[in-house]
N, C-alpha and C. Protein backbone atom coordinates (compact mmCIF):
# COMPACT_ATOMS: atom_id res chain seq x y z
N VAL A 1 51.24 16.32 -3.80
CA VAL A 1 50.12 16.33 -3.20
C VAL A 1 50.97 15.81 -1.80
N ASN A 2 52.15 14.66 -1.80
CA ASN A 2 52.61 14.45 -1.03
C ASN A 2 53.25 15.78 0.14
N ALA A 3 53.53 16.51 -0.31
CA ALA A 3 54.36 17.71 0.33
C ALA A 3 53.29 18.59 1.27
N LEU A 4 52.32 18.13 1.08
CA LEU A 4 50.88 18.94 1.62
C LEU A 4 50.46 18.11 2.48
N PRO A 5 50.62 19.54 3.84
CA PRO A 5 50.11 18.37 4.71
C PRO A 5 48.69 18.07 5.08
N ILE A 6 48.10 17.81 3.92
CA ILE A 6 46.49 17.39 4.07
C ILE A 6 46.22 16.74 4.64
N THR A 7 45.13 16.83 5.22
CA THR A 7 44.72 15.62 6.56
C THR A 7 43.22 14.96 6.25
N ASN A 8 42.56 14.67 6.91
CA ASN A 8 41.04 14.40 6.76
C ASN A 8 39.90 15.24 6.70
N GLU A 9 40.44 16.48 7.22
CA GLU A 9 39.61 17.77 7.76
C GLU A 9 39.48 18.52 6.71
N SER A 10 40.85 18.67 6.32
CA SER A 10 40.76 19.72 5.06
C SER A 10 40.21 19.35 3.57
N VAL A 11 40.08 20.61 3.22
CA VAL A 11 38.78 21.09 2.24
C VAL A 11 40.06 21.11 0.89
N VAL A 12 39.46 20.32 0.17
CA VAL A 12 40.64 20.21 -0.66
C VAL A 12 39.75 20.81 -2.60
N LEU A 13 40.81 21.42 -3.60
CA LEU A 13 40.16 21.41 -4.99
C LEU A 13 41.37 21.41 -6.02
N ASP A 14 40.79 20.96 -6.57
CA ASP A 14 41.34 20.49 -8.01
C ASP A 14 40.50 22.04 -9.00
N THR A 15 41.21 23.05 -9.37
CA THR A 15 40.26 23.78 -10.29
C THR A 15 40.20 23.30 -11.79
N SER A 16 41.16 22.21 -11.88
CA SER A 16 41.27 22.31 -13.42
C SER A 16 41.59 20.68 -13.73
N CYS A 17 40.41 19.83 -13.16
CA CYS A 17 40.67 18.34 -12.25
C CYS A 17 41.17 17.31 -13.42
N GLY A 18 40.82 17.21 -14.93
CA GLY A 18 41.28 16.67 -15.58
C GLY A 18 40.79 15.22 -15.17
N SER A 19 41.35 14.66 -16.05
CA SER A 19 40.94 12.54 -14.84
C SER A 19 40.96 12.18 -13.71
N GLY A 20 41.24 13.61 -12.98
CA GLY A 20 40.97 13.31 -11.59
C GLY A 20 42.18 12.95 -10.51
N GLY A 21 43.50 13.14 -11.54
CA GLY A 21 44.91 12.42 -10.67
C GLY A 21 44.58 12.96 -9.39
N PHE A 22 45.31 14.59 -9.27
CA PHE A 22 45.44 14.92 -7.82
C PHE A 22 44.39 14.58 -7.05
N LEU A 23 43.32 14.81 -7.62
CA LEU A 23 42.09 14.08 -6.34
C LEU A 23 42.43 12.45 -5.70
N LEU A 24 42.42 12.44 -7.03
CA LEU A 24 42.88 10.37 -6.16
C LEU A 24 44.12 10.66 -5.13
N HIS A 25 45.17 11.52 -5.88
CA HIS A 25 46.22 11.28 -4.89
C HIS A 25 45.98 12.02 -3.51
N ALA A 26 44.97 12.67 -3.55
CA ALA A 26 44.70 13.10 -1.81
C ALA A 26 44.10 12.35 -1.21
N LEU A 27 43.24 11.42 -1.95
CA LEU A 27 42.46 10.23 -1.18
C LEU A 27 43.05 9.11 -1.08
N ASP A 28 44.11 8.78 -1.91
CA ASP A 28 45.20 7.84 -1.53
C ASP A 28 45.97 8.53 0.17
N LYS A 29 46.51 9.51 0.35
CA LYS A 29 47.19 10.11 1.15
C LYS A 29 46.14 10.11 2.58
N VAL A 30 45.22 10.50 2.62
CA VAL A 30 43.85 10.22 3.89
C VAL A 30 44.14 9.05 3.98
N ARG A 31 43.67 8.01 2.98
CA ARG A 31 43.11 6.55 3.11
C ARG A 31 44.71 6.06 3.95
N LYS A 32 45.76 6.51 3.54
CA LYS A 32 47.40 5.78 4.25
C LYS A 32 46.99 6.65 5.51
N GLN A 33 46.48 7.63 6.23
CA GLN A 33 46.73 8.19 7.50
C GLN A 33 45.56 7.03 8.49
N ALA A 34 44.91 7.18 7.54
CA ALA A 34 43.60 6.00 8.40
C ALA A 34 44.07 4.92 8.44
N ASP A 35 44.79 4.19 7.93
CA ASP A 35 45.70 3.06 8.05
C ASP A 35 46.57 3.34 9.42
N GLU A 36 47.26 4.44 9.85
CA GLU A 36 48.10 4.39 10.50
C GLU A 36 47.03 4.59 12.26
N TYR A 37 45.81 4.64 12.23
CA TYR A 37 44.82 5.84 13.27
C TYR A 37 43.99 4.27 13.12
N HIS A 38 43.55 4.03 12.37
CA HIS A 38 42.18 2.69 12.57
C HIS A 38 42.42 1.60 12.09
N ASP A 39 42.33 -0.06 12.58
CA ASP A 39 42.15 -0.69 12.20
C ASP A 39 41.28 -0.78 10.94
N LYS A 40 42.38 -1.62 9.45
CA LYS A 40 41.85 -1.12 8.63
C LYS A 40 40.29 -2.43 8.10
N ASP A 41 39.75 -2.53 8.87
CA ASP A 41 39.02 -3.66 8.64
C ASP A 41 37.56 -3.14 9.67
N GLY A 42 38.13 -2.05 10.33
CA GLY A 42 36.90 -0.98 11.14
C GLY A 42 36.15 -0.13 10.52
N ARG A 43 35.01 0.38 11.13
CA ARG A 43 33.85 1.46 10.77
C ARG A 43 35.01 2.43 10.65
N GLU A 44 35.58 2.70 11.56
CA GLU A 44 36.12 3.92 12.17
C GLU A 44 37.47 4.46 10.72
N HIS A 45 38.07 3.55 10.40
CA HIS A 45 38.95 3.57 9.12
C HIS A 45 38.35 4.11 7.96
N TRP A 46 36.90 3.42 7.71
CA TRP A 46 36.41 3.60 6.64
C TRP A 46 35.64 5.21 6.57
N GLN A 47 35.22 5.42 7.79
CA GLN A 47 34.79 6.88 7.89
C GLN A 47 35.23 7.95 7.74
N TYR A 48 36.51 7.23 8.68
CA TYR A 48 38.20 8.65 8.14
C TYR A 48 38.58 8.96 7.24
N TRP A 49 38.71 8.10 5.93
CA TRP A 49 38.45 8.31 4.63
C TRP A 49 37.67 8.65 3.97
N HIS A 50 36.35 8.23 3.82
CA HIS A 50 35.52 8.18 3.53
C HIS A 50 34.67 9.75 3.27
N ASP A 51 34.20 9.93 4.68
CA ASP A 51 33.91 11.53 4.99
C ASP A 51 34.62 12.52 4.20
N PHE A 52 36.10 12.54 4.26
CA PHE A 52 36.51 13.48 3.47
C PHE A 52 36.70 12.93 1.82
N ALA A 53 36.25 12.17 1.54
CA ALA A 53 35.65 12.12 -0.01
C ALA A 53 34.60 12.56 -0.44
N GLU A 54 33.81 12.63 0.75
CA GLU A 54 32.55 12.89 0.53
C GLU A 54 32.20 14.34 0.64
N CYS A 55 33.08 14.99 1.50
CA CYS A 55 32.67 16.31 1.90
C CYS A 55 33.57 17.60 1.72
N ASN A 56 34.92 16.98 1.54
CA ASN A 56 36.07 17.50 1.25
C ASN A 56 36.67 17.59 0.00
N LEU A 57 36.61 16.96 -0.60
CA LEU A 57 37.50 16.92 -1.92
C LEU A 57 36.54 17.40 -2.95
N PHE A 58 37.31 18.25 -4.05
CA PHE A 58 36.54 18.91 -5.18
C PHE A 58 36.83 18.76 -6.30
N GLY A 59 36.58 19.11 -7.49
CA GLY A 59 37.13 19.22 -8.58
C GLY A 59 36.30 19.79 -9.31
N ILE A 60 36.47 20.75 -10.65
CA ILE A 60 36.51 21.17 -11.71
C ILE A 60 36.81 20.53 -12.74
N GLU A 61 36.21 20.98 -13.84
CA GLU A 61 36.88 20.16 -15.38
C GLU A 61 35.98 21.18 -16.56
N ILE A 62 36.79 21.61 -17.10
CA ILE A 62 35.56 22.61 -18.73
C ILE A 62 35.30 21.79 -19.21
N SER A 63 35.49 19.93 -19.56
CA SER A 63 35.20 19.11 -20.49
C SER A 63 33.99 17.99 -20.00
N GLU A 64 33.03 18.40 -19.93
CA GLU A 64 32.08 17.31 -19.60
C GLU A 64 32.49 16.05 -19.86
N GLY A 65 32.84 15.83 -21.17
CA GLY A 65 33.68 14.19 -20.80
C GLY A 65 34.91 13.56 -20.18
N ILE A 66 35.00 14.50 -19.89
CA ILE A 66 36.78 14.65 -19.02
C ILE A 66 35.72 14.39 -17.90
N ALA A 67 34.91 15.32 -17.13
CA ALA A 67 34.56 15.59 -15.57
C ALA A 67 33.88 14.59 -15.70
N ARG A 68 33.35 13.48 -16.71
CA ARG A 68 32.55 12.29 -16.50
C ARG A 68 33.30 11.09 -16.16
N THR A 69 34.91 11.55 -17.10
CA THR A 69 35.90 10.59 -16.18
C THR A 69 36.21 10.40 -15.62
N ALA A 70 36.71 11.87 -14.57
CA ALA A 70 37.00 12.00 -13.35
C ALA A 70 36.28 11.25 -12.41
N LYS A 71 34.76 11.74 -12.55
CA LYS A 71 33.52 11.07 -11.45
C LYS A 71 33.59 9.34 -11.45
N MET A 72 33.98 8.82 -12.70
CA MET A 72 33.96 7.31 -12.57
C MET A 72 35.27 7.06 -12.72
N ASN A 73 36.33 7.64 -12.38
CA ASN A 73 37.40 7.21 -11.94
C ASN A 73 37.51 7.83 -10.36
N MET A 74 36.66 8.54 -9.60
CA MET A 74 36.67 8.76 -8.35
C MET A 74 35.72 7.44 -8.05
N ILE A 75 34.94 7.11 -8.29
CA ILE A 75 33.91 5.99 -7.93
C ILE A 75 34.38 4.80 -8.17
N ILE A 76 35.32 4.49 -8.93
CA ILE A 76 36.37 3.30 -8.99
C ILE A 76 37.26 3.36 -8.03
N HIS A 77 37.60 4.26 -7.36
CA HIS A 77 38.48 4.16 -6.06
C HIS A 77 38.17 4.33 -4.80
N ASP A 78 36.56 3.89 -5.14
CA ASP A 78 34.94 3.91 -3.72
C ASP A 78 35.27 4.96 -3.28
N ASP A 79 34.96 6.75 -3.68
CA ASP A 79 34.52 7.54 -3.43
C ASP A 79 33.61 7.63 -3.25
N GLY A 80 32.28 7.30 -4.09
CA GLY A 80 31.61 7.36 -3.67
C GLY A 80 29.96 8.15 -3.88
N HIS A 81 30.93 9.78 -3.61
CA HIS A 81 30.39 10.75 -3.53
C HIS A 81 30.82 11.95 -4.48
N THR A 82 31.19 11.57 -5.35
CA THR A 82 32.31 12.85 -5.76
C THR A 82 31.98 13.90 -6.59
N ASN A 83 32.69 14.75 -6.31
CA ASN A 83 32.01 16.42 -5.59
C ASN A 83 33.13 16.80 -7.19
N VAL A 84 33.00 16.42 -8.16
CA VAL A 84 33.49 16.90 -9.50
C VAL A 84 32.40 17.38 -10.30
N ILE A 85 32.61 18.76 -10.84
CA ILE A 85 31.21 19.50 -11.63
C ILE A 85 32.14 19.73 -12.90
N ALA A 86 31.26 19.78 -14.36
CA ALA A 86 31.42 19.92 -14.96
C ALA A 86 31.16 21.68 -15.77
N PHE A 87 32.46 22.20 -15.33
CA PHE A 87 32.46 23.91 -15.42
C PHE A 87 33.51 24.55 -16.09
N ASP A 88 33.39 25.31 -16.61
CA ASP A 88 34.64 26.41 -16.56
C ASP A 88 35.15 27.18 -15.57
N GLY A 89 36.82 26.82 -15.26
CA GLY A 89 37.07 26.88 -13.78
C GLY A 89 37.22 28.32 -13.80
N LEU A 90 37.09 29.34 -14.75
CA LEU A 90 37.80 30.47 -14.88
C LEU A 90 36.26 31.47 -15.18
N GLU A 91 35.00 30.74 -14.89
CA GLU A 91 33.75 31.54 -14.76
C GLU A 91 34.04 32.10 -13.24
N SER A 92 32.76 32.56 -12.57
CA SER A 92 32.73 34.11 -11.89
C SER A 92 32.53 32.63 -10.85
N ILE A 93 32.84 32.33 -9.66
CA ILE A 93 32.60 31.36 -8.80
C ILE A 93 31.28 31.82 -8.36
N ASP A 94 30.54 33.03 -8.08
CA ASP A 94 29.17 32.69 -7.47
C ASP A 94 28.26 32.05 -8.76
N THR A 95 28.79 31.50 -9.98
CA THR A 95 28.12 30.92 -10.60
C THR A 95 27.87 29.66 -10.62
N MET A 96 28.53 29.23 -10.32
CA MET A 96 28.82 27.74 -10.28
C MET A 96 28.47 27.32 -8.76
N PRO A 97 27.68 25.86 -8.70
CA PRO A 97 26.82 25.49 -8.16
C PRO A 97 27.35 25.47 -6.55
N ALA A 98 26.49 26.15 -5.82
CA ALA A 98 26.52 26.62 -4.46
C ALA A 98 26.50 25.58 -3.70
N LYS A 99 25.87 24.05 -4.08
CA LYS A 99 26.04 23.15 -3.05
C LYS A 99 26.44 22.00 -3.77
N THR A 100 27.50 20.97 -3.41
CA THR A 100 27.42 19.65 -4.47
C THR A 100 26.93 18.61 -3.28
N ASN A 101 27.25 18.75 -2.32
CA ASN A 101 26.99 17.59 -1.18
C ASN A 101 26.40 18.68 0.04
N LYS A 102 26.02 17.84 1.31
CA LYS A 102 25.06 18.75 2.06
C LYS A 102 25.79 19.61 3.09
N LEU A 103 27.31 19.61 2.59
CA LEU A 103 28.07 20.91 3.52
C LEU A 103 28.48 21.56 2.84
N ARG A 104 28.67 21.71 1.73
CA ARG A 104 29.62 22.86 1.05
C ARG A 104 29.59 22.39 -0.43
N GLY A 105 30.15 23.68 -1.12
CA GLY A 105 30.12 23.28 -2.65
C GLY A 105 31.09 24.84 -3.38
N PHE A 106 31.30 25.30 -4.33
CA PHE A 106 32.61 25.70 -4.81
C PHE A 106 32.41 27.54 -4.23
N GLN A 107 32.56 27.86 -3.41
CA GLN A 107 32.77 29.04 -2.66
C GLN A 107 34.26 29.81 -2.44
N ARG A 108 34.07 31.44 -2.26
CA ARG A 108 35.59 31.98 -2.47
C ARG A 108 36.10 31.53 -0.61
N ASP A 109 37.04 31.75 -0.34
CA ASP A 109 37.50 32.01 0.73
C ASP A 109 37.33 30.62 1.55
N SER A 110 37.14 29.67 1.17
CA SER A 110 36.87 28.52 1.73
C SER A 110 37.49 26.88 1.19
N PHE A 111 38.67 27.09 1.02
CA PHE A 111 39.57 25.97 0.62
C PHE A 111 40.43 25.85 1.32
N ASP A 112 41.11 24.75 1.77
CA ASP A 112 42.48 24.93 2.69
C ASP A 112 43.47 24.59 1.71
N PHE A 113 43.35 23.88 0.85
CA PHE A 113 44.65 23.58 -0.39
C PHE A 113 44.04 23.62 -1.67
N ILE A 114 44.31 23.87 -3.14
CA ILE A 114 44.66 23.85 -4.10
C ILE A 114 45.55 23.16 -4.82
N ILE A 115 44.83 22.08 -5.40
CA ILE A 115 46.22 21.20 -6.28
C ILE A 115 45.80 21.14 -7.78
N THR A 116 46.31 21.74 -8.22
CA THR A 116 45.99 22.02 -9.68
C THR A 116 47.34 21.85 -10.39
N ASN A 117 47.07 21.54 -11.90
CA ASN A 117 48.10 22.21 -13.05
C ASN A 117 46.87 22.19 -13.72
N PRO A 118 46.99 24.02 -14.10
CA PRO A 118 46.18 24.35 -14.77
C PRO A 118 46.61 24.50 -15.97
N PRO A 119 46.12 24.44 -17.12
CA PRO A 119 46.10 24.63 -18.50
C PRO A 119 47.05 25.66 -19.00
N PHE A 120 48.13 25.31 -19.79
CA PHE A 120 48.83 26.45 -19.91
C PHE A 120 49.58 26.84 -21.26
N GLY A 121 49.58 27.73 -21.51
CA GLY A 121 50.40 28.31 -22.98
C GLY A 121 48.65 28.70 -23.77
N SER A 122 47.48 28.63 -23.56
CA SER A 122 46.39 29.27 -24.19
C SER A 122 45.93 30.47 -23.44
N LYS A 123 45.69 31.24 -24.43
CA LYS A 123 45.50 32.66 -24.28
C LYS A 123 43.82 33.02 -24.48
N ILE A 124 43.65 33.75 -23.67
CA ILE A 124 42.17 33.91 -23.25
C ILE A 124 42.21 35.21 -23.65
N LYS A 125 40.93 35.22 -24.28
CA LYS A 125 41.03 36.57 -25.32
C LYS A 125 39.81 37.05 -25.39
N PHE A 126 39.74 38.96 -25.37
CA PHE A 126 38.72 39.01 -24.18
C PHE A 126 37.37 39.28 -25.22
N ALA A 127 37.74 39.10 -26.36
CA ALA A 127 36.62 39.19 -27.58
C ALA A 127 35.74 37.85 -27.20
N GLU A 128 36.17 36.98 -27.16
CA GLU A 128 35.72 35.44 -26.73
C GLU A 128 34.63 35.26 -25.30
N LYS A 129 35.65 35.54 -24.42
CA LYS A 129 35.60 35.55 -23.02
C LYS A 129 35.43 36.73 -22.54
N ARG A 130 33.88 37.20 -21.77
CA ARG A 130 33.91 38.41 -21.35
C ARG A 130 34.40 38.37 -20.13
N TYR A 131 34.80 37.19 -19.23
CA TYR A 131 35.09 36.98 -17.87
C TYR A 131 36.39 37.72 -17.17
N LEU A 132 37.16 37.98 -18.81
CA LEU A 132 38.10 38.75 -18.61
C LEU A 132 38.61 40.02 -17.89
N GLU A 133 37.80 40.81 -17.96
CA GLU A 133 37.55 41.90 -17.01
C GLU A 133 36.96 42.02 -15.48
N ASN A 134 36.81 40.36 -15.11
CA ASN A 134 36.77 40.45 -13.55
C ASN A 134 37.79 39.80 -13.29
N TYR A 135 38.72 39.92 -13.66
CA TYR A 135 40.18 39.18 -13.33
C TYR A 135 40.85 40.65 -13.05
N THR A 136 41.32 40.84 -12.02
CA THR A 136 42.60 42.04 -11.55
C THR A 136 43.91 41.68 -12.72
N LEU A 137 44.29 40.25 -12.73
CA LEU A 137 45.41 40.24 -13.88
C LEU A 137 44.98 40.51 -15.20
N GLY A 138 43.84 40.52 -15.74
CA GLY A 138 42.48 40.26 -16.89
C GLY A 138 43.01 42.29 -17.16
N LYS A 139 43.59 42.88 -16.21
CA LYS A 139 43.75 44.19 -16.37
C LYS A 139 44.92 45.04 -17.18
N LYS A 140 45.25 46.07 -17.55
CA LYS A 140 46.52 46.33 -17.67
C LYS A 140 46.31 48.08 -17.37
N GLY A 141 47.26 48.60 -17.01
CA GLY A 141 47.19 50.12 -16.34
C GLY A 141 47.64 50.73 -17.68
N VAL A 142 47.70 52.02 -17.35
CA VAL A 142 48.16 53.03 -18.20
C VAL A 142 49.47 53.39 -18.52
N ASP A 143 50.22 53.19 -20.07
CA ASP A 143 51.40 53.48 -19.98
C ASP A 143 52.31 55.16 -19.33
N TRP A 144 52.84 55.04 -18.62
CA TRP A 144 53.33 56.54 -18.22
C TRP A 144 53.51 57.44 -19.34
N ILE A 145 54.25 56.70 -20.46
CA ILE A 145 54.58 57.71 -21.77
C ILE A 145 53.16 58.19 -22.25
N ASP A 146 52.27 57.37 -22.56
CA ASP A 146 50.80 57.62 -22.83
C ASP A 146 49.88 58.59 -21.88
N ALA A 147 50.41 58.13 -21.07
CA ALA A 147 49.15 58.92 -19.69
C ALA A 147 50.47 60.93 -20.07
N LYS A 148 50.98 60.63 -20.07
CA LYS A 148 51.85 61.62 -20.32
C LYS A 148 52.02 62.60 -21.57
N LEU A 149 51.61 61.79 -22.38
CA LEU A 149 51.69 62.51 -23.80
C LEU A 149 50.12 63.01 -24.62
N HIS A 150 49.30 62.03 -24.21
CA HIS A 150 48.35 62.23 -23.90
C HIS A 150 47.25 62.98 -23.11
N ASN A 151 47.74 63.24 -21.96
CA ASN A 151 46.97 63.38 -20.47
C ASN A 151 45.94 62.80 -19.85
N ILE A 152 46.37 61.18 -19.84
CA ILE A 152 45.25 59.97 -19.49
C ILE A 152 45.91 60.16 -18.08
N ASN A 153 44.99 60.13 -17.61
CA ASN A 153 44.68 59.52 -16.10
C ASN A 153 45.53 58.27 -15.90
N MET A 154 46.74 57.93 -14.88
CA MET A 154 47.62 56.87 -15.00
C MET A 154 46.37 55.91 -13.76
N LEU A 155 46.08 55.70 -13.25
CA LEU A 155 45.29 54.94 -12.46
C LEU A 155 44.36 54.85 -13.33
N ARG A 156 43.98 54.97 -14.49
CA ARG A 156 42.72 54.26 -15.32
C ARG A 156 43.12 52.87 -15.85
N GLU A 157 42.63 51.98 -15.56
CA GLU A 157 42.65 50.72 -16.23
C GLU A 157 41.76 50.38 -17.16
N THR A 158 42.50 49.33 -18.40
CA THR A 158 41.67 48.62 -19.33
C THR A 158 41.90 47.54 -19.45
N THR A 159 40.91 46.99 -19.64
CA THR A 159 41.01 45.31 -19.88
C THR A 159 41.83 44.57 -20.66
N ARG A 160 42.60 44.02 -20.74
CA ARG A 160 43.39 43.64 -21.51
C ARG A 160 42.63 42.95 -22.81
N GLU A 161 43.18 42.83 -24.02
CA GLU A 161 43.00 41.82 -25.03
C GLU A 161 42.85 40.62 -25.24
N GLN A 162 43.84 39.98 -23.93
CA GLN A 162 44.13 38.38 -24.24
C GLN A 162 44.61 38.36 -22.35
N GLN A 163 44.80 37.32 -22.07
CA GLN A 163 45.93 37.02 -20.72
C GLN A 163 46.34 35.51 -20.92
N THR A 164 47.61 34.83 -20.55
CA THR A 164 47.16 33.47 -20.61
C THR A 164 46.72 33.03 -19.46
N SER A 165 45.88 31.71 -20.18
CA SER A 165 45.09 30.58 -19.13
C SER A 165 45.85 30.99 -17.56
N GLU A 166 46.78 30.45 -17.50
CA GLU A 166 47.59 29.90 -16.27
C GLU A 166 47.97 31.62 -15.21
N VAL A 167 48.08 32.58 -15.72
CA VAL A 167 47.67 33.71 -15.21
C VAL A 167 46.50 33.68 -14.40
N LEU A 168 45.47 33.68 -15.38
CA LEU A 168 44.01 33.89 -14.78
C LEU A 168 43.65 32.54 -13.74
N PHE A 169 43.92 31.61 -13.93
CA PHE A 169 43.68 30.03 -12.75
C PHE A 169 44.63 31.01 -11.35
N ILE A 170 45.97 31.27 -11.92
CA ILE A 170 46.62 31.30 -10.58
C ILE A 170 45.69 32.46 -9.84
N GLU A 171 45.14 33.73 -10.61
CA GLU A 171 44.03 34.09 -9.45
C GLU A 171 42.42 33.58 -9.05
N GLN A 172 42.35 33.01 -9.82
CA GLN A 172 41.41 32.03 -9.61
C GLN A 172 41.52 31.28 -8.10
N CYS A 173 42.73 30.55 -8.37
CA CYS A 173 43.01 29.71 -7.20
C CYS A 173 42.89 30.64 -5.38
N HIS A 174 43.59 31.55 -5.87
CA HIS A 174 43.71 32.32 -4.93
C HIS A 174 42.20 32.94 -4.24
N ARG A 175 41.44 32.92 -4.94
CA ARG A 175 39.76 33.58 -4.69
C ARG A 175 39.37 32.35 -3.91
N PHE A 176 39.75 31.00 -4.15
CA PHE A 176 38.93 29.89 -3.36
C PHE A 176 40.11 29.55 -2.44
N LEU A 177 40.84 30.03 -1.93
CA LEU A 177 41.75 29.39 -0.88
C LEU A 177 41.04 30.16 0.73
N LYS A 178 41.01 29.55 1.05
CA LYS A 178 40.57 30.41 2.68
C LYS A 178 41.86 30.89 3.16
N PRO A 179 42.09 32.56 3.94
CA PRO A 179 43.11 33.31 4.34
C PRO A 179 43.84 32.28 5.27
N GLY A 180 45.37 32.21 4.56
CA GLY A 180 46.35 30.95 4.97
C GLY A 180 46.01 29.66 4.46
N GLY A 181 45.37 29.70 3.84
CA GLY A 181 45.17 28.30 2.70
C GLY A 181 46.33 28.15 1.38
């Protein structure tokens, strides 16, 4: 988070936010920027970081209990308008809440920064999660030897039986990012 040029105008998402650690670091970073630009006791200082928290900071967490923890964590740190949802971060973006605040919600091509530590090591199985077929990285091409031996079209794609979660999260993060994000 410290290495990224996040400002109060950046739109930031954590696609698997857990208890909200990365979100809190982003909020703290913008608060420190407010310290540089405004008197700490003034309304401008508060508005600088609070507008960021209310309108530009988002999180997704699959576990409802952990999502509640993230919301409480943000509220304890004076966020006040937490945009954290309990949702499977690999589900279609179109099925996520359209708006969580008056300005925006979870939409394709709309985030400047994705700060996340996606779940590693688990496998998403097509038999359990049909959304695997909606990912380019959830597909596999035809092996060229099989194509030659069985006269199969090389351009045909099939859905993989499984894919690691981190690979799918990378593709989902790319969907959320603005061009140049």
